Every structure is written in C-alpha cells, then in structure tokens.
Amino acid sequence: MLIYNLLKREIILPKSQKADKIWFGLGKDQARFGREEFCLCSGLNMGTLPEGFQEKNEVGEESIVSRYFEDKRPTVEFLEETYNELTGADGDDALKMAYLLMVAQFFGTGEGLTSVPAWLWLLVEDEKAFTSFSWGTYVFDVTLYWLKNAAEKHINMTCCKIPATSI
C-alpha cells in the first residue's frame, strides 16, 4: 500500500530527466528514489553491469543445470525441491543452488519468478564472478523498471500524478 500511495504522488518529469530516478510529492516536500537512495538502503554493489550479460545462454555440459536438470530450464519451485534433497557431499552444488534461489526469490530476475534465466545459470558457475556481480545495479534497474511501468499497465493512476515544477 505504501508503494501504491507513493506512485500516486509521482512527479511527472521531462523525458530527459527521467533516466534513473523517480520524484514524489509528499505534502509540500519532494522525495527522490534513485541509485544513491537504493544503495544506502540496500548496501548492494552498485558497479557497472557487464555488457550483454543477459544475452548469454549457452550452458556447458559440466554445469549445475546439466548435472541436475538435463539442460532443461527448471522452475524456481523445482530448483528449491532439488536443493532440499542435496546431501553434504554436494557442497559446491548446494552453494550454487542457494545463490540461484536467493537471486530468484529475494532479488527477482526481471523475467518473472517461474524459471531461472540462462545468464544466471552461467554466472553461478563462477563464484568470483557471481559474488562480484553488481547486484545493486541490477536490482535497482529491475525495481525502477517495475515502479515506472508496471503500475501504469495495471492501475490507472495518471489522474493523480503531479506535473514537475522546480526539480
């Protein structure tokens, strides 16, 4: 409800100023939600995302997805079931599956939470790449996309938005 009420008070900015932040009118004050605020709240790494990372889709024969899921794109639910069945001998695989579940369930994937995208299966194979990935930037971009677009598609809130005056 809080997010809904904030979105109803979004200040409409010219397209040139809309890139990476949203402004809200709160009484006589204005509040901003941008990269800096997200970084302060989340504590996640806000670096640069690797170019084309979401376009990668070739998973190797020795990958975790090949070993456990026979090159299918399993659902998050099936991934969780498989994770819960692992034994102590599967330590590295358990860690990789835990990473995947964390991203899918807590960060979202921007592609819905029904299946794990191929780029994420590739990323989890390299622990250093996974842990140094700019999760803050990725999650912020997904969050901002949904804040700006999803509400408009599902709720007619244009009557409530405030035109920009002096931001």
Protein backbone atom coordinates (compact mmCIF):
# COMPACT_ATOMS: atom_id res chain seq x y z
CA MET A 1 0.00 0.00 0.00
CA LEU A 2 2.89 2.34 0.75
CA ILE A 3 4.38 1.89 -2.74
CA TYR A 4 0.95 2.35 -4.34
CA ASN A 5 0.42 5.63 -2.46
CA LEU A 6 3.88 6.86 -3.39
CA LEU A 7 3.31 6.04 -7.06
CA LYS A 8 0.08 8.03 -6.98
CA ARG A 9 2.19 11.04 -5.98
CA GLU A 10 4.87 10.64 -8.65
CA ILE A 11 6.05 13.92 -10.08
CA ILE A 12 6.00 13.85 -13.89
CA LEU A 13 9.40 14.87 -15.26
CA PRO A 14 10.51 15.66 -18.81
CA LYS A 15 11.86 12.51 -20.51
CA SER A 16 15.42 13.90 -20.41
CA GLN A 17 15.34 13.90 -16.59
CA LYS A 18 13.63 10.51 -16.07
CA ALA A 19 16.53 8.14 -16.69
CA ASP A 20 17.46 6.81 -13.27
CA LYS A 21 15.23 8.30 -10.61
CA ILE A 22 11.64 8.96 -9.59
CA TRP A 23 10.44 12.01 -7.69
CA PHE A 24 7.40 12.02 -5.40
CA GLY A 25 5.39 14.90 -3.97
CA LEU A 26 4.86 14.40 -0.24
CA GLY A 27 2.86 17.31 1.10
CA LYS A 28 4.96 20.42 0.49
CA ASP A 29 8.14 18.37 0.15
CA GLN A 30 9.63 16.33 -2.67
CA ALA A 31 11.36 12.99 -2.23
CA ARG A 32 13.61 11.20 -4.69
CA PHE A 33 14.16 7.49 -5.27
CA GLY A 34 17.35 6.96 -7.26
CA ARG A 35 20.59 5.00 -7.30
CA GLU A 36 22.02 6.77 -4.26
CA GLU A 37 18.96 6.10 -2.12
CA PHE A 38 18.78 2.49 -3.25
CA CYS A 39 22.47 1.96 -2.48
CA LEU A 40 22.07 3.45 1.01
CA CYS A 41 19.03 1.28 1.76
CA SER A 42 20.25 -1.98 0.23
CA GLY A 43 24.01 -1.92 0.77
CA LEU A 44 24.41 -3.82 -2.51
CA ASN A 45 27.25 -3.30 -5.00
CA MET A 46 26.29 -0.52 -7.45
CA GLY A 47 29.01 -1.06 -10.08
CA THR A 48 28.74 -1.40 -13.84
CA LEU A 49 26.90 -4.39 -15.29
CA PRO A 50 28.82 -6.49 -17.85
CA GLU A 51 27.69 -5.65 -21.36
CA GLY A 52 25.35 -8.23 -22.87
CA PHE A 53 25.26 -10.42 -19.75
CA GLN A 54 21.57 -11.28 -20.23
CA GLU A 55 22.18 -12.43 -23.80
CA LYS A 56 24.43 -15.32 -22.77
CA ASN A 57 22.59 -18.62 -22.96
CA GLU A 58 25.00 -21.49 -23.68
CA VAL A 59 25.41 -23.59 -20.55
CA GLY A 60 28.28 -26.11 -20.53
CA GLU A 61 27.99 -29.87 -20.13
CA GLU A 62 29.65 -29.75 -16.70
CA SER A 63 27.35 -27.04 -15.36
CA ILE A 64 24.99 -27.48 -12.45
CA VAL A 65 21.96 -27.21 -14.74
CA SER A 66 23.29 -30.07 -16.90
CA ARG A 67 24.08 -32.28 -13.90
CA TYR A 68 20.76 -31.91 -12.14
CA PHE A 69 18.23 -30.78 -14.72
CA GLU A 70 19.40 -32.34 -18.01
CA ASP A 71 19.66 -28.98 -19.79
CA LYS A 72 16.03 -28.07 -19.08
CA ARG A 73 15.14 -24.68 -17.66
CA PRO A 74 13.68 -25.77 -14.34
CA THR A 75 11.21 -23.70 -12.40
CA VAL A 76 12.27 -21.99 -9.21
CA GLU A 77 9.99 -24.40 -7.34
CA PHE A 78 11.76 -27.44 -8.84
CA LEU A 79 15.15 -25.85 -8.09
CA GLU A 80 14.10 -25.47 -4.45
CA GLU A 81 12.95 -29.11 -4.27
CA THR A 82 16.28 -30.28 -5.74
CA TYR A 83 18.22 -28.07 -3.31
CA ASN A 84 16.36 -29.56 -0.34
CA GLU A 85 17.28 -33.09 -1.48
CA LEU A 86 21.05 -32.43 -1.70
CA THR A 87 23.38 -34.14 0.76
CA GLY A 88 26.57 -32.91 2.41
CA ALA A 89 28.66 -34.39 -0.41
CA ASP A 90 27.11 -31.89 -2.82
CA GLY A 91 28.52 -28.82 -1.05
CA ASP A 92 29.58 -26.77 -4.09
CA ASP A 93 26.36 -27.54 -5.92
CA ALA A 94 24.32 -26.69 -2.82
CA LEU A 95 26.04 -23.31 -2.62
CA LYS A 96 25.34 -22.62 -6.30
CA MET A 97 21.69 -23.58 -5.90
CA ALA A 98 21.44 -21.42 -2.78
CA TYR A 99 22.81 -18.47 -4.78
CA LEU A 100 20.26 -19.11 -7.52
CA LEU A 101 17.39 -19.35 -5.05
CA MET A 102 18.49 -16.17 -3.30
CA VAL A 103 18.53 -14.23 -6.56
CA ALA A 104 15.25 -15.67 -7.82
CA GLN A 105 13.34 -15.26 -4.58
CA PHE A 106 14.80 -12.14 -2.99
CA PHE A 107 16.14 -10.07 -5.84
CA GLY A 108 13.76 -11.22 -8.55
CA THR A 109 15.03 -11.81 -12.03
CA GLY A 110 13.10 -9.25 -14.01
CA GLU A 111 11.79 -12.11 -16.11
CA GLY A 112 9.28 -13.39 -13.63
CA LEU A 113 9.98 -15.84 -10.86
CA THR A 114 8.89 -19.01 -12.64
CA SER A 115 12.23 -20.08 -14.14
CA VAL A 116 15.90 -19.24 -13.76
CA PRO A 117 17.26 -17.40 -16.82
CA ALA A 118 20.21 -18.91 -18.72
CA TRP A 119 22.54 -15.99 -17.93
CA LEU A 120 22.11 -16.68 -14.22
CA TRP A 121 22.99 -20.38 -14.62
CA LEU A 122 26.19 -19.27 -16.35
CA LEU A 123 27.02 -16.65 -13.74
CA VAL A 124 26.64 -19.05 -10.80
CA GLU A 125 29.27 -21.39 -12.28
CA ASP A 126 31.96 -18.80 -11.48
CA GLU A 127 31.75 -17.94 -7.77
CA LYS A 128 34.05 -14.93 -8.07
CA ALA A 129 32.01 -13.51 -10.96
CA PHE A 130 28.79 -14.18 -9.06
CA THR A 131 29.90 -12.52 -5.82
CA SER A 132 31.44 -9.52 -7.60
CA PHE A 133 28.44 -9.02 -9.91
CA SER A 134 26.82 -5.61 -9.50
CA TRP A 135 23.66 -6.90 -7.85
CA GLY A 136 22.72 -3.45 -6.59
CA THR A 137 22.72 -2.01 -10.10
CA TYR A 138 20.80 -4.98 -11.48
CA VAL A 139 18.15 -4.99 -8.74
CA PHE A 140 17.81 -1.20 -8.88
CA ASP A 141 17.28 -1.29 -12.65
CA VAL A 142 14.63 -4.02 -12.33
CA THR A 143 12.94 -2.19 -9.44
CA LEU A 144 12.92 1.14 -11.26
CA TYR A 145 11.55 -0.50 -14.40
CA TRP A 146 8.64 -2.01 -12.47
CA LEU A 147 7.97 1.17 -10.50
CA LYS A 148 7.83 3.22 -13.69
CA ASN A 149 5.98 0.77 -15.94
CA ALA A 150 4.04 -1.90 -14.09
CA ALA A 151 1.75 0.41 -12.17
CA GLU A 152 0.73 2.26 -15.33
CA LYS A 153 -0.17 -1.01 -17.03
CA HIS A 154 -2.27 -2.31 -14.15
CA ILE A 155 -3.64 0.75 -12.40
CA ASN A 156 -4.88 3.99 -13.94
CA MET A 157 -3.01 6.48 -11.77
CA THR A 158 -2.35 9.23 -14.30
CA CYS A 159 -5.06 11.39 -12.76
CA CYS A 160 -3.12 11.58 -9.50
CA LYS A 161 0.37 12.36 -10.77
CA ILE A 162 1.86 15.78 -10.18
CA PRO A 163 3.40 17.86 -13.02
CA ALA A 164 7.03 18.87 -12.43
CA THR A 165 7.61 22.45 -11.38
CA SER A 166 11.05 23.02 -9.89
CA ILE A 167 13.08 19.85 -9.59
